[in-house]
N, C-alpha and C. Protein backbone atom coordinates (compact mmCIF):
# COMPACT_ATOMS: atom_id res chain seq x y z
N MET A 1 119.62 -17.70 -65.77
CA MET A 1 119.72 -19.16 -65.84
C MET A 1 120.33 -19.68 -66.96
N ASN A 2 121.00 -20.70 -66.80
CA ASN A 2 121.86 -21.36 -67.69
C ASN A 2 121.31 -22.64 -68.05
N ILE A 3 121.18 -22.91 -69.31
CA ILE A 3 120.70 -24.26 -70.08
C ILE A 3 121.52 -25.47 -69.62
N LEU A 4 122.65 -25.12 -69.14
CA LEU A 4 123.40 -26.37 -68.58
C LEU A 4 122.93 -26.80 -67.33
N ASN A 5 121.85 -26.27 -66.74
CA ASN A 5 121.10 -26.58 -65.70
C ASN A 5 120.26 -27.82 -65.99
N ILE A 6 119.89 -27.87 -67.21
CA ILE A 6 118.85 -29.11 -67.43
C ILE A 6 119.73 -30.29 -68.11
N ILE A 7 120.69 -30.01 -69.02
CA ILE A 7 121.52 -31.06 -69.47
C ILE A 7 122.61 -31.51 -68.79
N ASN A 8 122.89 -32.72 -68.65
CA ASN A 8 123.86 -33.23 -67.81
C ASN A 8 124.64 -33.93 -68.75
N VAL A 9 125.90 -32.85 -69.09
CA VAL A 9 127.02 -33.43 -69.92
C VAL A 9 128.34 -33.35 -68.92
N PRO A 10 128.97 -34.50 -68.96
CA PRO A 10 130.14 -34.75 -68.37
C PRO A 10 131.06 -33.73 -68.94
N GLU A 11 131.87 -32.91 -68.24
CA GLU A 11 132.94 -32.11 -68.80
C GLU A 11 133.90 -32.78 -69.54
N HIS A 12 134.27 -34.01 -69.51
CA HIS A 12 135.10 -34.65 -70.33
C HIS A 12 134.74 -34.93 -71.68
N LEU A 13 133.40 -34.82 -71.89
CA LEU A 13 132.91 -35.13 -73.27
C LEU A 13 132.97 -34.22 -74.32
N GLU A 14 133.26 -34.34 -75.37
CA GLU A 14 133.40 -33.40 -76.67
C GLU A 14 131.94 -32.95 -76.94
N VAL A 15 131.76 -31.64 -77.10
CA VAL A 15 130.43 -31.10 -77.18
C VAL A 15 130.32 -30.41 -78.73
N ASP A 16 129.10 -30.44 -79.32
CA ASP A 16 128.97 -29.83 -80.50
C ASP A 16 127.55 -29.19 -80.23
N PHE A 17 127.65 -27.82 -79.85
CA PHE A 17 126.45 -27.01 -79.59
C PHE A 17 126.20 -25.95 -80.67
N GLU A 18 125.24 -25.74 -80.98
CA GLU A 18 124.60 -24.62 -81.87
C GLU A 18 123.34 -24.14 -81.51
N GLU A 19 123.45 -22.69 -81.34
CA GLU A 19 122.34 -21.98 -81.04
C GLU A 19 121.98 -21.50 -82.50
N ILE A 20 120.84 -22.08 -83.04
CA ILE A 20 120.64 -22.09 -84.34
C ILE A 20 120.43 -20.56 -84.88
N CYS A 21 119.20 -20.00 -84.20
CA CYS A 21 118.86 -18.56 -84.73
C CYS A 21 120.02 -17.37 -84.71
N THR A 22 120.99 -17.78 -83.88
CA THR A 22 122.09 -16.76 -83.67
C THR A 22 123.21 -17.37 -84.44
N GLN A 23 123.43 -18.53 -84.86
CA GLN A 23 124.54 -19.12 -85.35
C GLN A 23 125.63 -19.19 -84.59
N ARG A 24 125.53 -19.19 -83.23
CA ARG A 24 126.67 -19.27 -82.27
C ARG A 24 126.93 -20.91 -82.00
N LYS A 25 128.16 -21.23 -81.90
CA LYS A 25 128.65 -22.64 -81.65
C LYS A 25 129.68 -22.65 -80.78
N ALA A 26 129.45 -23.88 -80.08
CA ALA A 26 130.48 -23.96 -78.98
C ALA A 26 130.94 -25.50 -79.04
N ASP A 27 132.28 -25.52 -78.80
CA ASP A 27 132.89 -27.05 -78.65
C ASP A 27 132.98 -27.58 -77.32
N CYS A 28 132.77 -26.89 -76.19
CA CYS A 28 133.12 -27.39 -74.91
C CYS A 28 132.08 -26.74 -74.02
N ILE A 29 131.90 -27.25 -72.74
CA ILE A 29 130.97 -26.89 -71.83
C ILE A 29 131.27 -25.21 -71.46
N ASN A 30 132.41 -24.91 -71.27
CA ASN A 30 132.84 -23.53 -70.87
C ASN A 30 132.46 -22.60 -72.06
N SER A 31 132.50 -22.99 -73.43
CA SER A 31 131.91 -22.30 -74.30
C SER A 31 130.57 -21.86 -74.29
N ILE A 32 129.79 -22.99 -73.93
CA ILE A 32 128.49 -22.98 -73.90
C ILE A 32 127.99 -21.97 -72.66
N SER A 33 128.77 -22.06 -71.65
CA SER A 33 128.57 -21.22 -70.65
C SER A 33 128.76 -19.63 -70.84
N SER A 34 129.74 -19.27 -71.80
CA SER A 34 130.00 -18.07 -72.11
C SER A 34 128.89 -17.39 -72.98
N ILE A 35 128.48 -18.44 -73.92
CA ILE A 35 127.03 -17.99 -74.62
C ILE A 35 126.00 -17.63 -73.70
N SER A 36 125.82 -18.39 -72.77
CA SER A 36 124.85 -18.25 -71.81
C SER A 36 124.93 -16.98 -70.85
N LYS A 37 126.31 -16.68 -70.56
CA LYS A 37 126.55 -15.35 -69.82
C LYS A 37 126.11 -14.12 -70.59
N GLU A 38 126.23 -14.23 -72.08
CA GLU A 38 125.96 -13.21 -72.79
C GLU A 38 124.44 -12.83 -72.72
N TRP A 39 123.61 -14.00 -72.62
CA TRP A 39 122.14 -13.75 -72.38
C TRP A 39 121.74 -13.08 -71.15
N ILE A 40 122.49 -13.64 -70.14
CA ILE A 40 122.31 -13.18 -68.75
C ILE A 40 122.95 -11.88 -68.46
N GLN A 41 123.89 -11.38 -69.21
CA GLN A 41 124.14 -10.01 -69.30
C GLN A 41 123.17 -9.13 -69.64
N ALA A 42 122.53 -9.57 -70.81
CA ALA A 42 121.50 -8.83 -71.31
C ALA A 42 119.86 -8.77 -70.47
N PHE A 43 119.89 -10.01 -70.08
CA PHE A 43 118.63 -10.41 -69.24
C PHE A 43 118.94 -11.03 -67.91
N PRO A 44 119.34 -10.09 -66.87
CA PRO A 44 119.90 -10.54 -65.50
C PRO A 44 118.81 -11.46 -64.73
N ASP A 45 117.58 -11.17 -65.20
CA ASP A 45 116.52 -12.09 -64.33
C ASP A 45 115.83 -13.19 -65.14
N ILE A 46 116.69 -13.53 -66.27
CA ILE A 46 116.21 -14.55 -67.16
C ILE A 46 115.81 -15.92 -66.39
N ASN A 47 114.79 -16.38 -66.75
CA ASN A 47 114.43 -17.70 -66.20
C ASN A 47 113.77 -18.62 -66.93
N PHE A 48 113.83 -19.93 -66.89
CA PHE A 48 112.84 -20.66 -67.81
C PHE A 48 112.04 -21.76 -67.02
N ASN A 49 111.13 -22.14 -67.66
CA ASN A 49 110.30 -23.22 -66.96
C ASN A 49 110.17 -24.35 -68.15
N VAL A 50 110.41 -25.68 -67.65
CA VAL A 50 110.23 -26.72 -68.74
C VAL A 50 108.80 -27.14 -68.81
N LEU A 51 108.36 -26.89 -69.98
CA LEU A 51 107.04 -27.09 -70.34
C LEU A 51 106.57 -28.48 -70.78
N ASN A 52 107.55 -29.29 -71.41
CA ASN A 52 107.31 -30.54 -71.78
C ASN A 52 108.78 -31.07 -71.92
N GLU A 53 109.05 -32.43 -71.61
CA GLU A 53 110.35 -33.10 -71.86
C GLU A 53 110.21 -34.50 -72.43
N SER A 54 111.19 -34.90 -73.11
CA SER A 54 111.10 -36.16 -73.53
C SER A 54 112.70 -36.67 -73.44
N VAL A 55 112.88 -37.67 -72.58
CA VAL A 55 114.31 -38.02 -72.40
C VAL A 55 114.44 -39.60 -72.42
N ASN A 56 115.38 -40.15 -73.16
CA ASN A 56 115.44 -41.65 -73.24
C ASN A 56 117.24 -41.69 -73.27
N GLU A 57 117.89 -42.90 -73.38
CA GLU A 57 119.29 -42.88 -73.22
C GLU A 57 120.16 -42.32 -74.21
N ASN A 58 119.58 -41.94 -75.33
CA ASN A 58 120.30 -41.25 -76.43
C ASN A 58 119.97 -39.85 -76.56
N PHE A 59 118.69 -39.44 -76.65
CA PHE A 59 118.12 -38.29 -76.82
C PHE A 59 117.46 -37.66 -75.55
N SER A 60 117.50 -36.16 -75.61
CA SER A 60 116.51 -35.50 -74.70
C SER A 60 116.19 -34.40 -75.39
N CYS A 61 114.73 -33.90 -75.23
CA CYS A 61 114.07 -32.68 -75.81
C CYS A 61 113.35 -32.03 -74.82
N TYR A 62 113.52 -30.85 -74.83
CA TYR A 62 112.92 -30.10 -73.77
C TYR A 62 112.07 -28.84 -74.55
N GLU A 63 110.94 -28.65 -74.17
CA GLU A 63 110.21 -27.40 -74.53
C GLU A 63 110.36 -26.31 -73.38
N LEU A 64 110.85 -25.21 -73.72
CA LEU A 64 111.04 -24.11 -72.61
C LEU A 64 110.34 -23.08 -72.77
N LEU A 65 110.18 -22.31 -71.62
CA LEU A 65 109.35 -21.04 -71.74
C LEU A 65 110.36 -20.04 -70.91
N TRP A 66 110.78 -19.16 -71.46
CA TRP A 66 111.81 -18.26 -70.95
C TRP A 66 110.93 -16.92 -70.68
N THR A 67 111.42 -16.33 -69.59
CA THR A 67 110.79 -14.86 -69.13
C THR A 67 112.13 -14.02 -68.63
N GLY A 68 112.04 -12.71 -68.87
CA GLY A 68 113.21 -11.90 -68.47
C GLY A 68 112.94 -10.68 -68.77
N THR A 69 113.92 -9.62 -68.20
CA THR A 69 113.67 -8.23 -68.41
C THR A 69 114.93 -7.66 -69.07
N HIS A 70 114.82 -7.06 -70.31
CA HIS A 70 116.11 -6.44 -70.84
C HIS A 70 116.77 -5.37 -70.17
N GLN A 71 117.62 -5.57 -69.23
CA GLN A 71 118.34 -4.80 -68.57
C GLN A 71 119.86 -4.42 -69.02
N GLY A 72 120.10 -4.96 -69.78
CA GLY A 72 121.75 -4.85 -70.40
C GLY A 72 121.82 -4.86 -71.95
N ASP A 73 122.87 -4.54 -72.40
CA ASP A 73 123.00 -4.62 -73.97
C ASP A 73 122.96 -6.09 -74.39
N LEU A 74 122.15 -6.09 -75.65
CA LEU A 74 122.04 -7.54 -76.21
C LEU A 74 122.97 -7.47 -77.39
N SER A 75 123.92 -8.45 -77.47
CA SER A 75 124.68 -8.47 -78.59
C SER A 75 124.04 -9.09 -79.67
N ILE A 76 124.23 -8.52 -80.83
CA ILE A 76 123.66 -9.16 -82.17
C ILE A 76 124.55 -9.05 -83.28
N VAL A 77 124.49 -9.56 -84.48
CA VAL A 77 125.46 -9.52 -85.47
C VAL A 77 126.30 -8.25 -85.75
N ASP A 78 125.72 -7.22 -85.87
CA ASP A 78 126.19 -6.02 -86.25
C ASP A 78 126.01 -5.02 -85.15
N GLY A 79 126.40 -5.38 -83.86
CA GLY A 79 126.49 -4.42 -83.01
C GLY A 79 125.70 -4.94 -81.52
N TYR A 80 124.87 -4.16 -81.01
CA TYR A 80 123.96 -4.49 -79.99
C TYR A 80 122.64 -3.56 -80.03
N ILE A 81 121.90 -4.24 -79.18
CA ILE A 81 120.61 -3.43 -78.84
C ILE A 81 120.71 -3.05 -77.24
N PRO A 82 120.49 -1.75 -77.14
CA PRO A 82 120.82 -1.14 -75.79
C PRO A 82 119.62 -1.54 -74.91
N LYS A 83 119.67 -1.50 -73.58
CA LYS A 83 118.84 -2.09 -72.82
C LYS A 83 117.29 -1.32 -72.82
N THR A 84 116.36 -1.69 -72.75
CA THR A 84 115.00 -1.28 -73.09
C THR A 84 113.97 -1.44 -71.66
N ASN A 85 114.62 -2.18 -70.84
CA ASN A 85 113.88 -2.55 -69.58
C ASN A 85 112.47 -3.30 -69.82
N LYS A 86 112.30 -3.68 -71.09
CA LYS A 86 111.11 -4.35 -71.28
C LYS A 86 111.23 -5.79 -71.07
N LYS A 87 109.93 -6.46 -70.74
CA LYS A 87 109.86 -7.82 -70.35
C LYS A 87 109.96 -8.65 -71.66
N VAL A 88 110.29 -9.75 -71.63
CA VAL A 88 110.29 -10.69 -72.98
C VAL A 88 109.64 -12.04 -72.46
N LYS A 89 108.98 -12.90 -73.16
CA LYS A 89 108.58 -14.07 -73.02
C LYS A 89 108.56 -14.89 -74.27
N PHE A 90 109.40 -15.94 -74.38
CA PHE A 90 109.41 -16.66 -75.56
C PHE A 90 109.67 -18.26 -75.23
N ARG A 91 109.41 -18.92 -76.39
CA ARG A 91 109.68 -20.49 -76.08
C ARG A 91 110.82 -20.86 -76.87
N SER A 92 111.33 -22.10 -76.54
CA SER A 92 112.52 -22.63 -77.15
C SER A 92 112.41 -24.16 -77.18
N VAL A 93 113.27 -24.81 -77.96
CA VAL A 93 113.18 -26.37 -77.88
C VAL A 93 114.64 -26.49 -77.66
N LEU A 94 115.18 -27.26 -77.03
CA LEU A 94 116.66 -27.82 -76.56
C LEU A 94 116.64 -29.22 -76.76
N ILE A 95 117.44 -29.69 -77.89
CA ILE A 95 117.56 -31.06 -78.13
C ILE A 95 118.99 -31.57 -77.87
N THR A 96 119.00 -32.56 -77.33
CA THR A 96 120.64 -33.12 -76.97
C THR A 96 120.61 -34.55 -77.35
N HIS A 97 121.63 -34.68 -78.00
CA HIS A 97 121.86 -36.12 -78.50
C HIS A 97 123.19 -36.76 -78.04
N PHE A 98 123.19 -37.96 -77.24
CA PHE A 98 124.17 -38.53 -76.74
C PHE A 98 124.52 -39.81 -77.34
N PRO A 99 125.22 -39.85 -78.51
CA PRO A 99 125.45 -40.99 -79.18
C PRO A 99 126.50 -41.66 -78.34
N MET A 100 126.97 -43.07 -78.94
CA MET A 100 127.91 -43.65 -78.34
C MET A 100 129.52 -43.37 -78.77
N ASN A 101 129.68 -42.39 -79.34
CA ASN A 101 131.18 -41.79 -79.63
C ASN A 101 131.78 -40.87 -78.74
N ASN A 102 131.15 -40.73 -77.77
CA ASN A 102 131.79 -39.64 -76.63
C ASN A 102 131.61 -38.37 -76.94
N LYS A 103 130.80 -37.94 -77.92
CA LYS A 103 130.44 -36.54 -78.36
C LYS A 103 129.05 -36.28 -78.09
N THR A 104 128.67 -35.06 -77.61
CA THR A 104 127.25 -34.80 -77.19
C THR A 104 126.96 -33.65 -78.21
N TYR A 105 125.93 -33.80 -79.05
CA TYR A 105 125.32 -32.81 -79.89
C TYR A 105 124.22 -32.05 -79.12
N ILE A 106 124.14 -30.71 -79.09
CA ILE A 106 123.09 -29.95 -78.52
C ILE A 106 122.87 -28.77 -79.50
N ARG A 107 121.22 -28.86 -79.85
CA ARG A 107 120.85 -27.86 -80.59
C ARG A 107 119.65 -27.04 -79.71
N HIS A 108 119.92 -25.77 -79.89
CA HIS A 108 119.01 -24.87 -79.17
C HIS A 108 118.22 -23.95 -80.18
N TYR A 109 116.98 -24.17 -80.31
CA TYR A 109 116.03 -23.46 -81.31
C TYR A 109 115.18 -22.46 -80.61
N PHE A 110 115.12 -21.30 -81.10
CA PHE A 110 114.13 -20.27 -80.84
C PHE A 110 113.96 -19.26 -81.73
N ASP A 111 112.80 -18.37 -81.55
CA ASP A 111 112.62 -17.37 -82.46
C ASP A 111 113.07 -15.99 -82.16
N LEU A 112 114.06 -15.59 -82.68
CA LEU A 112 114.89 -14.20 -82.40
C LEU A 112 113.90 -13.13 -82.63
N ILE A 113 113.29 -13.13 -83.58
CA ILE A 113 112.34 -12.22 -84.02
C ILE A 113 111.20 -11.90 -83.06
N THR A 114 110.77 -12.96 -82.46
CA THR A 114 109.83 -12.94 -81.17
C THR A 114 110.40 -11.99 -80.11
N ILE A 115 111.64 -12.26 -79.80
CA ILE A 115 112.27 -11.47 -78.84
C ILE A 115 112.40 -9.95 -79.28
N PHE A 116 112.88 -9.83 -80.60
CA PHE A 116 113.04 -8.40 -81.08
C PHE A 116 111.73 -7.62 -80.97
N ASP A 117 110.82 -8.37 -81.58
CA ASP A 117 109.33 -7.51 -81.56
C ASP A 117 109.04 -7.09 -80.05
N GLN A 118 109.36 -8.11 -79.07
CA GLN A 118 108.83 -7.35 -77.72
C GLN A 118 109.83 -6.30 -77.09
N LEU A 119 111.07 -6.32 -77.83
CA LEU A 119 112.02 -5.19 -77.25
C LEU A 119 111.76 -3.75 -78.11
N ALA A 120 110.91 -3.98 -79.28
CA ALA A 120 110.74 -2.60 -80.00
C ALA A 120 109.83 -1.61 -79.36
């Protein structure tokens, strides 16, 4: 499942996306989709539930609960973690800021160590 499913960013807007714990960044919707595909490759059954949300005209904030099974290689900075077939469950926070300057700022926060501990 792709985080783009819950944020509604028109494709013509400039994007400043950052996945904080992995330091991956994107400047367009297609690049965010590529980052999501890497996670889907490692966790083909990945899914999330929205636990809490707060949305107004300029900001949105979502607390997400992710679950999935590690069935493919997980890319990390210095290589990859081969599939373990272990299930993971972790929370994340996704914050989106829609200022008036036609640029959308998106930050995705989660604890990578929690994921790694479940794969060990």
